């Protein structure tokens, strides 16, 4: 797995979780991301 894939794969998981939960803040909390990093 290249460096880009290592960065993108967890972000895709976060996006999918946010979609399923319908709540960005909760998804970030579950995945251990700050809410600010979600929007980067």
PDB file of N, CA and C in Angstrom:
ATOM      1  N   UNK A   1       0.863  -1.178   0.000  1.00  0.00           N
ATOM      2  CA  UNK A   1       0.000   0.000   0.000  1.00  0.00           C
ATOM      3  C   UNK A   1       0.902   1.232   0.000  1.00  0.00           C
ATOM      4  N   UNK A   2       0.641   2.153  -0.919  1.00  0.00           N
ATOM      5  CA  UNK A   2       1.471   3.349  -0.960  1.00  0.00           C
ATOM      6  C   UNK A   2       1.024   4.378   0.078  1.00  0.00           C
ATOM      7  N   UNK A   3       1.812   5.423   0.235  1.00  0.00           N
ATOM      8  CA  UNK A   3       1.560   6.433   1.272  1.00  0.00           C
ATOM      9  C   UNK A   3       0.205   7.108   1.090  1.00  0.00           C
ATOM     10  N   UNK A   4      -0.166   7.422  -0.136  1.00  0.00           N
ATOM     11  CA  UNK A   4      -1.446   8.085  -0.395  1.00  0.00           C
ATOM     12  C   UNK A   4      -2.608   7.201   0.039  1.00  0.00           C
ATOM     13  N   UNK A   5      -2.542   5.919  -0.285  1.00  0.00           N
ATOM     14  CA  UNK A   5      -3.607   4.990   0.096  1.00  0.00           C
ATOM     15  C   UNK A   5      -3.725   4.873   1.614  1.00  0.00           C
ATOM     16  N   UNK A   6      -2.599   4.958   2.318  1.00  0.00           N
ATOM     17  CA  UNK A   6      -2.612   4.884   3.780  1.00  0.00           C
ATOM     18  C   UNK A   6      -3.331   6.078   4.393  1.00  0.00           C
ATOM     19  N   UNK A   7      -3.297   7.203   3.714  1.00  0.00           N
ATOM     20  CA  UNK A   7      -3.977   8.412   4.188  1.00  0.00           C
ATOM     21  C   UNK A   7      -5.445   8.391   3.793  1.00  0.00           C
ATOM     22  N   UNK A   8      -5.719   7.983   2.578  1.00  0.00           N
ATOM     23  CA  UNK A   8      -7.082   8.054   2.034  1.00  0.00           C
ATOM     24  C   UNK A   8      -8.004   6.991   2.614  1.00  0.00           C
ATOM     25  N   UNK A   9      -7.526   5.791   2.791  1.00  0.00           N
ATOM     26  CA  UNK A   9      -8.390   4.698   3.238  1.00  0.00           C
ATOM     27  C   UNK A   9      -9.103   4.993   4.567  1.00  0.00           C
ATOM     28  N   UNK A  10      -8.389   5.459   5.614  1.00  0.00           N
ATOM     29  CA  UNK A  10      -9.101   5.788   6.857  1.00  0.00           C
ATOM     30  C   UNK A  10     -10.093   6.936   6.681  1.00  0.00           C
ATOM     31  N   UNK A  11      -9.754   7.905   5.835  1.00  0.00           N
ATOM     32  CA  UNK A  11     -10.661   9.029   5.591  1.00  0.00           C
ATOM     33  C   UNK A  11     -11.944   8.545   4.926  1.00  0.00           C
ATOM     34  N   UNK A  12     -11.830   7.588   4.012  1.00  0.00           N
ATOM     35  CA  UNK A  12     -13.026   7.035   3.371  1.00  0.00           C
ATOM     36  C   UNK A  12     -13.896   6.317   4.397  1.00  0.00           C
ATOM     37  N   UNK A  13     -13.269   5.637   5.331  1.00  0.00           N
ATOM     38  CA  UNK A  13     -14.016   4.983   6.405  1.00  0.00           C
ATOM     39  C   UNK A  13     -14.757   6.000   7.254  1.00  0.00           C
ATOM     40  N   UNK A  14     -14.100   7.117   7.533  1.00  0.00           N
ATOM     41  CA  UNK A  14     -14.726   8.185   8.314  1.00  0.00           C
ATOM     42  C   UNK A  14     -15.909   8.777   7.557  1.00  0.00           C
ATOM     43  N   UNK A  15     -15.735   9.022   6.270  1.00  0.00           N
ATOM     44  CA  UNK A  15     -16.832   9.561   5.455  1.00  0.00           C
ATOM     45  C   UNK A  15     -18.017   8.603   5.422  1.00  0.00           C
ATOM     46  N   UNK A  16     -17.742   7.330   5.274  1.00  0.00           N
ATOM     47  CA  UNK A  16     -18.810   6.321   5.226  1.00  0.00           C
ATOM     48  C   UNK A  16     -19.543   6.252   6.558  1.00  0.00           C
ATOM     49  N   UNK A  17     -18.798   6.292   7.652  1.00  0.00           N
ATOM     50  CA  UNK A  17     -19.420   6.250   8.974  1.00  0.00           C
ATOM     51  C   UNK A  17     -20.289   7.486   9.193  1.00  0.00           C
ATOM     52  N   UNK A  18     -19.793   8.653   8.803  1.00  0.00           N
ATOM     53  CA  UNK A  18     -20.568   9.891   8.946  1.00  0.00           C
ATOM     54  C   UNK A  18     -21.865   9.799   8.147  1.00  0.00           C
ATOM     55  N   UNK A  19     -21.770   9.211   6.977  1.00  0.00           N
ATOM     56  CA  UNK A  19     -22.956   9.026   6.134  1.00  0.00           C
ATOM     57  C   UNK A  19     -23.960   8.093   6.815  1.00  0.00           C
ATOM     58  N   UNK A  20     -23.476   6.995   7.348  1.00  0.00           N
ATOM     59  CA  UNK A  20     -24.353   6.017   8.005  1.00  0.00           C
ATOM     60  C   UNK A  20     -24.995   6.597   9.265  1.00  0.00           C
ATOM     61  N   UNK A  21     -24.197   7.312  10.050  1.00  0.00           N
ATOM     62  CA  UNK A  21     -24.711   7.871  11.300  1.00  0.00           C
ATOM     63  C   UNK A  21     -25.532   9.133  11.068  1.00  0.00           C
ATOM     64  N   UNK A  22     -25.256   9.809   9.964  1.00  0.00           N
ATOM     65  CA  UNK A  22     -25.898  11.088   9.701  1.00  0.00           C
ATOM     66  C   UNK A  22     -25.398  12.164  10.649  1.00  0.00           C
ATOM     67  N   UNK A  23     -24.186  11.970  11.182  1.00  0.00           N
ATOM     68  CA  UNK A  23     -23.664  12.886  12.179  1.00  0.00           C
ATOM     69  C   UNK A  23     -22.138  12.905  12.097  1.00  0.00           C
ATOM     70  N   UNK A  24     -21.592  14.003  11.580  1.00  0.00           N
ATOM     71  CA  UNK A  24     -20.146  14.132  11.419  1.00  0.00           C
ATOM     72  C   UNK A  24     -19.435  14.124  12.771  1.00  0.00           C
ATOM     73  N   UNK A  25     -19.959  14.858  13.720  1.00  0.00           N
ATOM     74  CA  UNK A  25     -19.306  14.951  15.025  1.00  0.00           C
ATOM     75  C   UNK A  25     -19.196  13.574  15.685  1.00  0.00           C
ATOM     76  N   UNK A  26     -20.258  12.797  15.643  1.00  0.00           N
ATOM     77  CA  UNK A  26     -20.247  11.457  16.250  1.00  0.00           C
ATOM     78  C   UNK A  26     -19.269  10.539  15.518  1.00  0.00           C
ATOM     79  N   UNK A  27     -19.254  10.608  14.201  1.00  0.00           N
ATOM     80  CA  UNK A  27     -18.340   9.768  13.421  1.00  0.00           C
ATOM     81  C   UNK A  27     -16.890  10.099  13.764  1.00  0.00           C
ATOM     82  N   UNK A  28     -16.583  11.376  13.887  1.00  0.00           N
ATOM     83  CA  UNK A  28     -15.224  11.788  14.238  1.00  0.00           C
ATOM     84  C   UNK A  28     -14.842  11.274  15.621  1.00  0.00           C
ATOM     85  N   UNK A  29     -15.762  11.337  16.540  1.00  0.00           N
ATOM     86  CA  UNK A  29     -15.511  10.867  17.902  1.00  0.00           C
ATOM     87  C   UNK A  29     -15.225   9.357  17.892  1.00  0.00           C
ATOM     88  N   UNK A  30     -16.032   8.601  17.174  1.00  0.00           N
ATOM     89  CA  UNK A  30     -15.864   7.148  17.107  1.00  0.00           C
ATOM     90  C   UNK A  30     -14.523   6.778  16.474  1.00  0.00           C
ATOM     91  N   UNK A  31     -14.140   7.508  15.411  1.00  0.00           N
ATOM     92  CA  UNK A  31     -12.923   7.187  14.662  1.00  0.00           C
ATOM     93  C   UNK A  31     -11.671   7.830  15.252  1.00  0.00           C
ATOM     94  N   UNK A  32     -11.840   8.727  16.231  1.00  0.00           N
ATOM     95  CA  UNK A  32     -10.687   9.359  16.855  1.00  0.00           C
ATOM     96  C   UNK A  32     -10.111  10.522  16.073  1.00  0.00           C
ATOM     97  N   UNK A  33     -10.915  11.165  15.249  1.00  0.00           N
ATOM     98  CA  UNK A  33     -10.488  12.339  14.489  1.00  0.00           C
ATOM     99  C   UNK A  33     -11.065  13.584  15.135  1.00  0.00           C
ATOM    100  N   UNK A  34     -10.361  14.699  14.992  1.00  0.00           N
ATOM    101  CA  UNK A  34     -10.961  15.967  15.402  1.00  0.00           C
ATOM    102  C   UNK A  34     -11.948  16.372  14.314  1.00  0.00           C
ATOM    103  N   UNK A  35     -12.952  17.120  14.693  1.00  0.00           N
ATOM    104  CA  UNK A  35     -13.943  17.559  13.712  1.00  0.00           C
ATOM    105  C   UNK A  35     -13.288  18.442  12.654  1.00  0.00           C
ATOM    106  N   UNK A  36     -12.294  19.228  13.047  1.00  0.00           N
ATOM    107  CA  UNK A  36     -11.583  20.086  12.085  1.00  0.00           C
ATOM    108  C   UNK A  36     -10.892  19.258  11.011  1.00  0.00           C
ATOM    109  N   UNK A  37     -10.324  18.113  11.385  1.00  0.00           N
ATOM    110  CA  UNK A  37      -9.616  17.290  10.398  1.00  0.00           C
ATOM    111  C   UNK A  37     -10.579  16.673   9.381  1.00  0.00           C
ATOM    112  N   UNK A  38     -11.830  16.529   9.747  1.00  0.00           N
ATOM    113  CA  UNK A  38     -12.837  15.996   8.819  1.00  0.00           C
ATOM    114  C   UNK A  38     -12.956  16.885   7.587  1.00  0.00           C
ATOM    115  N   UNK A  39     -12.865  18.188   7.814  1.00  0.00           N
ATOM    116  CA  UNK A  39     -13.081  19.145   6.725  1.00  0.00           C
ATOM    117  C   UNK A  39     -11.819  19.465   5.932  1.00  0.00           C
ATOM    118  N   UNK A  40     -10.681  18.854   6.267  1.00  0.00           N
ATOM    119  CA  UNK A  40      -9.444  19.090   5.516  1.00  0.00           C
ATOM    120  C   UNK A  40      -9.388  18.251   4.280  1.00  0.00           C
TER     121      UNK A  40
END
